[in-house]
N, C-alpha and C. Protein backbone atom coordinates (compact mmCIF):
# COMPACT_ATOMS: atom_id res chain seq x y z
N UNK A 1 -347.03 38.96 70.85
CA UNK A 1 -347.54 38.55 69.57
C UNK A 1 -347.74 37.04 69.53
N UNK A 2 -346.82 36.31 70.12
CA UNK A 2 -346.96 34.86 70.10
C UNK A 2 -348.18 34.41 70.89
N UNK A 3 -348.48 35.09 71.99
CA UNK A 3 -349.67 34.74 72.77
C UNK A 3 -350.93 34.91 71.92
N UNK A 4 -351.00 36.00 71.17
CA UNK A 4 -352.16 36.24 70.32
C UNK A 4 -352.25 35.22 69.19
N UNK A 5 -351.11 34.86 68.61
CA UNK A 5 -351.11 33.84 67.57
C UNK A 5 -351.59 32.51 68.14
N UNK A 6 -351.15 32.16 69.33
CA UNK A 6 -351.56 30.91 69.96
C UNK A 6 -353.07 30.88 70.21
N UNK A 7 -353.65 32.02 70.56
CA UNK A 7 -355.10 32.09 70.79
C UNK A 7 -355.90 31.77 69.53
N UNK A 8 -355.30 31.97 68.37
CA UNK A 8 -356.02 31.79 67.11
C UNK A 8 -355.48 30.63 66.27
N UNK A 9 -354.70 29.79 66.91
CA UNK A 9 -354.14 28.62 66.21
C UNK A 9 -355.27 27.82 65.57
N UNK A 10 -355.01 27.37 64.34
CA UNK A 10 -356.01 26.58 63.63
C UNK A 10 -356.98 27.40 62.80
N UNK A 11 -356.93 28.71 62.94
CA UNK A 11 -357.78 29.60 62.13
C UNK A 11 -356.90 30.28 61.10
N UNK A 12 -357.50 30.78 60.01
CA UNK A 12 -356.69 31.54 59.06
C UNK A 12 -356.12 32.79 59.73
N UNK A 13 -354.81 32.98 59.63
CA UNK A 13 -354.16 34.09 60.33
C UNK A 13 -353.51 35.03 59.33
N UNK A 14 -353.77 36.31 59.52
CA UNK A 14 -353.08 37.38 58.81
C UNK A 14 -352.28 38.12 59.88
N UNK A 15 -350.97 38.08 59.77
CA UNK A 15 -350.10 38.74 60.74
C UNK A 15 -349.61 40.06 60.12
N UNK A 16 -349.92 41.16 60.78
CA UNK A 16 -349.57 42.48 60.26
C UNK A 16 -348.58 43.13 61.22
N UNK A 17 -347.44 43.53 60.68
CA UNK A 17 -346.42 44.21 61.48
C UNK A 17 -345.91 45.43 60.73
N UNK A 18 -345.37 46.35 61.45
CA UNK A 18 -344.69 47.47 60.80
C UNK A 18 -343.29 47.02 60.38
N UNK A 19 -342.67 46.21 61.20
CA UNK A 19 -341.30 45.77 60.95
C UNK A 19 -341.26 44.68 59.88
N UNK A 20 -340.09 44.53 59.27
CA UNK A 20 -339.90 43.45 58.31
C UNK A 20 -339.87 42.12 59.04
N UNK A 21 -340.42 41.10 58.41
CA UNK A 21 -340.51 39.80 59.08
C UNK A 21 -339.72 38.70 58.38
N UNK A 22 -339.04 39.06 57.31
CA UNK A 22 -338.27 38.06 56.58
C UNK A 22 -337.08 38.76 55.92
N UNK A 23 -335.91 38.12 55.92
CA UNK A 23 -334.72 38.76 55.34
C UNK A 23 -334.85 39.12 53.86
N UNK A 24 -335.76 38.46 53.14
CA UNK A 24 -335.96 38.76 51.72
C UNK A 24 -336.28 40.25 51.49
N UNK A 25 -336.87 40.89 52.48
CA UNK A 25 -337.35 42.27 52.31
C UNK A 25 -336.34 43.34 52.73
N UNK A 26 -335.18 42.92 53.19
CA UNK A 26 -334.16 43.92 53.54
C UNK A 26 -333.79 44.72 52.30
N UNK A 27 -333.20 45.88 52.50
CA UNK A 27 -332.73 46.69 51.38
C UNK A 27 -331.61 45.94 50.69
N UNK A 28 -331.72 45.77 49.36
CA UNK A 28 -330.68 45.02 48.63
C UNK A 28 -329.30 45.67 48.79
N UNK A 29 -328.30 44.83 48.90
CA UNK A 29 -326.92 45.29 49.07
C UNK A 29 -326.15 45.06 47.78
N UNK A 30 -325.07 45.72 47.55
CA UNK A 30 -324.51 46.77 48.41
C UNK A 30 -325.27 48.08 48.26
N UNK A 31 -325.41 48.76 49.35
CA UNK A 31 -326.06 50.07 49.38
C UNK A 31 -325.41 50.85 50.51
N UNK A 32 -324.64 51.88 50.19
CA UNK A 32 -323.84 52.57 51.21
C UNK A 32 -324.65 53.11 52.39
N UNK A 33 -325.85 53.60 52.14
CA UNK A 33 -326.65 54.16 53.23
C UNK A 33 -327.28 53.09 54.10
N UNK A 34 -327.58 51.94 53.53
CA UNK A 34 -328.37 50.94 54.24
C UNK A 34 -327.58 49.76 54.78
N UNK A 35 -326.31 49.65 54.49
CA UNK A 35 -325.56 48.48 54.95
C UNK A 35 -325.62 48.37 56.48
N UNK A 36 -325.62 49.47 57.18
CA UNK A 36 -325.72 49.47 58.65
C UNK A 36 -327.18 49.33 59.09
N UNK A 37 -328.09 50.08 58.46
CA UNK A 37 -329.47 50.17 58.93
C UNK A 37 -330.31 48.92 58.66
N UNK A 38 -329.91 48.07 57.75
CA UNK A 38 -330.65 46.83 57.50
C UNK A 38 -330.85 46.03 58.78
N UNK A 39 -329.91 46.12 59.68
CA UNK A 39 -329.99 45.36 60.93
C UNK A 39 -331.16 45.80 61.82
N UNK A 40 -331.72 46.97 61.57
CA UNK A 40 -332.76 47.52 62.44
C UNK A 40 -334.14 47.54 61.78
N UNK A 41 -334.28 46.91 60.64
CA UNK A 41 -335.54 46.95 59.91
C UNK A 41 -336.54 45.88 60.36
N UNK A 42 -336.07 44.86 61.05
CA UNK A 42 -336.97 43.80 61.48
C UNK A 42 -336.21 42.64 62.06
N UNK A 43 -336.84 41.46 62.06
CA UNK A 43 -336.21 40.29 62.63
C UNK A 43 -336.68 39.02 61.91
N UNK A 44 -335.76 38.14 61.66
CA UNK A 44 -336.09 36.84 61.05
C UNK A 44 -336.87 35.96 62.02
N UNK A 45 -336.90 36.30 63.30
CA UNK A 45 -337.66 35.51 64.27
C UNK A 45 -339.16 35.54 63.98
N UNK A 46 -339.63 36.59 63.32
CA UNK A 46 -341.03 36.64 62.92
C UNK A 46 -341.34 35.50 61.94
N UNK A 47 -340.41 35.21 61.04
CA UNK A 47 -340.61 34.12 60.08
C UNK A 47 -340.78 32.79 60.81
N UNK A 48 -340.11 32.62 61.95
CA UNK A 48 -340.29 31.42 62.76
C UNK A 48 -341.74 31.32 63.24
N UNK A 49 -342.33 32.46 63.61
CA UNK A 49 -343.73 32.47 64.04
C UNK A 49 -344.66 32.09 62.89
N UNK A 50 -344.33 32.52 61.69
CA UNK A 50 -345.13 32.13 60.53
C UNK A 50 -345.23 30.61 60.45
N UNK A 51 -344.10 29.96 60.57
CA UNK A 51 -344.07 28.49 60.48
C UNK A 51 -344.80 27.85 61.64
N UNK A 52 -344.51 28.32 62.83
CA UNK A 52 -345.06 27.70 64.03
C UNK A 52 -346.59 27.80 64.10
N UNK A 53 -347.14 28.91 63.61
CA UNK A 53 -348.58 29.15 63.73
C UNK A 53 -349.31 29.12 62.40
N UNK A 54 -348.66 28.60 61.36
CA UNK A 54 -349.28 28.47 60.04
C UNK A 54 -349.93 29.76 59.57
N UNK A 55 -349.19 30.85 59.65
CA UNK A 55 -349.70 32.15 59.22
C UNK A 55 -349.88 32.13 57.70
N UNK A 56 -351.06 32.47 57.25
CA UNK A 56 -351.36 32.44 55.81
C UNK A 56 -350.78 33.66 55.09
N UNK A 57 -350.95 34.83 55.69
CA UNK A 57 -350.42 36.07 55.10
C UNK A 57 -349.61 36.83 56.14
N UNK A 58 -348.48 37.33 55.72
CA UNK A 58 -347.66 38.22 56.55
C UNK A 58 -347.56 39.55 55.84
N UNK A 59 -348.13 40.58 56.43
CA UNK A 59 -348.12 41.91 55.82
C UNK A 59 -347.21 42.79 56.65
N UNK A 60 -346.29 43.47 55.98
CA UNK A 60 -345.29 44.25 56.70
C UNK A 60 -345.03 45.57 56.00
N UNK A 61 -344.28 46.41 56.66
CA UNK A 61 -343.93 47.71 56.09
C UNK A 61 -342.51 48.08 56.42
N UNK A 62 -342.34 49.30 56.84
CA UNK A 62 -341.07 49.86 57.31
C UNK A 62 -340.14 50.32 56.19
N UNK A 63 -340.08 49.58 55.10
CA UNK A 63 -339.30 50.03 53.95
C UNK A 63 -340.28 50.62 52.94
N UNK A 64 -339.81 51.38 52.03
CA UNK A 64 -340.72 52.09 51.13
C UNK A 64 -340.67 51.53 49.71
N UNK A 65 -340.73 50.22 49.60
CA UNK A 65 -340.83 49.60 48.29
C UNK A 65 -341.81 48.43 48.38
N UNK A 66 -342.19 47.93 47.25
CA UNK A 66 -343.21 46.87 47.20
C UNK A 66 -342.60 45.58 46.66
N UNK A 67 -342.79 44.54 47.45
CA UNK A 67 -342.32 43.21 47.06
C UNK A 67 -343.26 42.18 47.67
N UNK A 68 -343.30 41.01 47.07
CA UNK A 68 -344.01 39.88 47.66
C UNK A 68 -343.08 38.68 47.62
N UNK A 69 -343.35 37.73 48.50
CA UNK A 69 -342.52 36.54 48.60
C UNK A 69 -343.35 35.47 49.28
N UNK A 70 -343.26 34.24 48.79
CA UNK A 70 -343.97 33.13 49.42
C UNK A 70 -342.95 32.10 49.89
N UNK A 71 -343.16 31.61 51.10
CA UNK A 71 -342.29 30.58 51.66
C UNK A 71 -343.05 29.77 52.69
N UNK A 72 -342.96 28.46 52.58
CA UNK A 72 -343.50 27.53 53.57
C UNK A 72 -344.96 27.82 53.93
N UNK A 73 -345.77 28.13 52.91
CA UNK A 73 -347.20 28.33 53.14
C UNK A 73 -347.62 29.72 53.53
N UNK A 74 -346.69 30.65 53.65
CA UNK A 74 -347.03 32.03 54.00
C UNK A 74 -346.73 32.94 52.82
N UNK A 75 -347.74 33.71 52.44
CA UNK A 75 -347.54 34.74 51.43
C UNK A 75 -347.21 36.04 52.15
N UNK A 76 -346.03 36.57 51.88
CA UNK A 76 -345.57 37.79 52.55
C UNK A 76 -345.71 38.96 51.59
N UNK A 77 -346.26 40.05 52.11
CA UNK A 77 -346.55 41.21 51.28
C UNK A 77 -346.00 42.46 51.94
N UNK A 78 -345.20 43.17 51.20
CA UNK A 78 -344.72 44.49 51.61
C UNK A 78 -345.23 45.45 50.54
N UNK A 79 -346.32 46.13 50.83
CA UNK A 79 -346.98 46.97 49.82
C UNK A 79 -347.03 48.42 50.29
N UNK A 80 -345.90 48.93 50.67
CA UNK A 80 -345.82 50.27 51.23
C UNK A 80 -346.16 51.34 50.20
N UNK A 81 -346.87 52.34 50.65
CA UNK A 81 -347.16 53.47 49.79
C UNK A 81 -345.95 54.39 49.70
N UNK A 82 -345.23 54.54 50.80
CA UNK A 82 -344.02 55.37 50.80
C UNK A 82 -344.33 56.85 50.76
N UNK A 83 -343.30 57.63 50.58
CA UNK A 83 -343.43 59.07 50.46
C UNK A 83 -343.78 59.44 49.02
N UNK A 84 -344.46 60.53 48.85
CA UNK A 84 -344.85 60.96 47.50
C UNK A 84 -343.63 61.05 46.56
N UNK A 85 -342.51 61.51 47.07
CA UNK A 85 -341.32 61.64 46.23
C UNK A 85 -340.80 60.28 45.74
N UNK A 86 -341.27 59.20 46.36
CA UNK A 86 -340.85 57.85 45.98
C UNK A 86 -341.83 57.17 45.01
N UNK A 87 -342.93 57.80 44.74
CA UNK A 87 -343.95 57.19 43.89
C UNK A 87 -343.45 57.05 42.46
N UNK A 88 -343.97 56.02 41.80
CA UNK A 88 -343.65 55.78 40.39
C UNK A 88 -344.67 56.41 39.45
N UNK A 89 -345.85 56.70 39.99
CA UNK A 89 -346.95 57.26 39.20
C UNK A 89 -347.21 58.71 39.62
N UNK A 90 -347.68 59.52 38.70
CA UNK A 90 -348.04 60.90 39.03
C UNK A 90 -349.39 60.96 39.74
N UNK A 91 -350.22 59.97 39.53
CA UNK A 91 -351.58 59.93 40.07
C UNK A 91 -351.61 59.22 41.41
N UNK A 92 -352.17 59.89 42.43
CA UNK A 92 -352.31 59.25 43.74
C UNK A 92 -353.23 58.03 43.65
N UNK A 93 -354.27 58.13 42.83
CA UNK A 93 -355.20 57.01 42.67
C UNK A 93 -354.47 55.79 42.11
N UNK A 94 -353.67 55.99 41.09
CA UNK A 94 -352.94 54.87 40.49
C UNK A 94 -351.92 54.30 41.47
N UNK A 95 -351.26 55.15 42.21
CA UNK A 95 -350.26 54.68 43.18
C UNK A 95 -350.92 53.82 44.25
N UNK A 96 -352.08 54.23 44.73
CA UNK A 96 -352.81 53.45 45.73
C UNK A 96 -353.28 52.13 45.12
N UNK A 97 -353.77 52.16 43.90
CA UNK A 97 -354.19 50.92 43.23
C UNK A 97 -353.02 49.94 43.12
N UNK A 98 -351.83 50.47 42.86
CA UNK A 98 -350.65 49.62 42.75
C UNK A 98 -350.28 48.96 44.07
N UNK A 99 -350.74 49.52 45.19
CA UNK A 99 -350.44 48.99 46.52
C UNK A 99 -351.45 47.95 46.99
N UNK A 100 -352.61 47.90 46.39
CA UNK A 100 -353.70 47.07 46.90
C UNK A 100 -353.51 45.59 46.59
N UNK A 101 -353.93 44.77 47.53
CA UNK A 101 -353.94 43.31 47.38
C UNK A 101 -355.28 42.78 47.85
N UNK A 102 -355.76 41.75 47.20
CA UNK A 102 -356.94 41.05 47.65
C UNK A 102 -356.49 39.76 48.29
N UNK A 103 -356.86 39.57 49.54
CA UNK A 103 -356.48 38.36 50.28
C UNK A 103 -357.66 37.39 50.29
N UNK A 104 -357.37 36.13 50.11
CA UNK A 104 -358.39 35.09 50.11
C UNK A 104 -358.12 34.16 51.29
N UNK A 105 -359.13 34.05 52.14
CA UNK A 105 -358.99 33.16 53.31
C UNK A 105 -359.87 31.94 53.14
């Protein structure tokens, strides 16, 4: 991943990963089921790459909730659709609309 980021240094970068890239997105604690599994959701080392390569957007998944966070010039987006049983809306159209983001480069 770092090699690819280096190839595009100086250009607007959107880094997309399945894994979490910042500790902000871990499952909030205390949570009996997730206290152990949080360690396997991603790595804070990805956040180092954001800084080093001036990543504008970091899009991630792996967890089934939606959050955003901005730090040091990177807007991080976790906009997972999740499983149907986790949806907040009865309408699939509305649930998908709730997941969408418009990125500006």
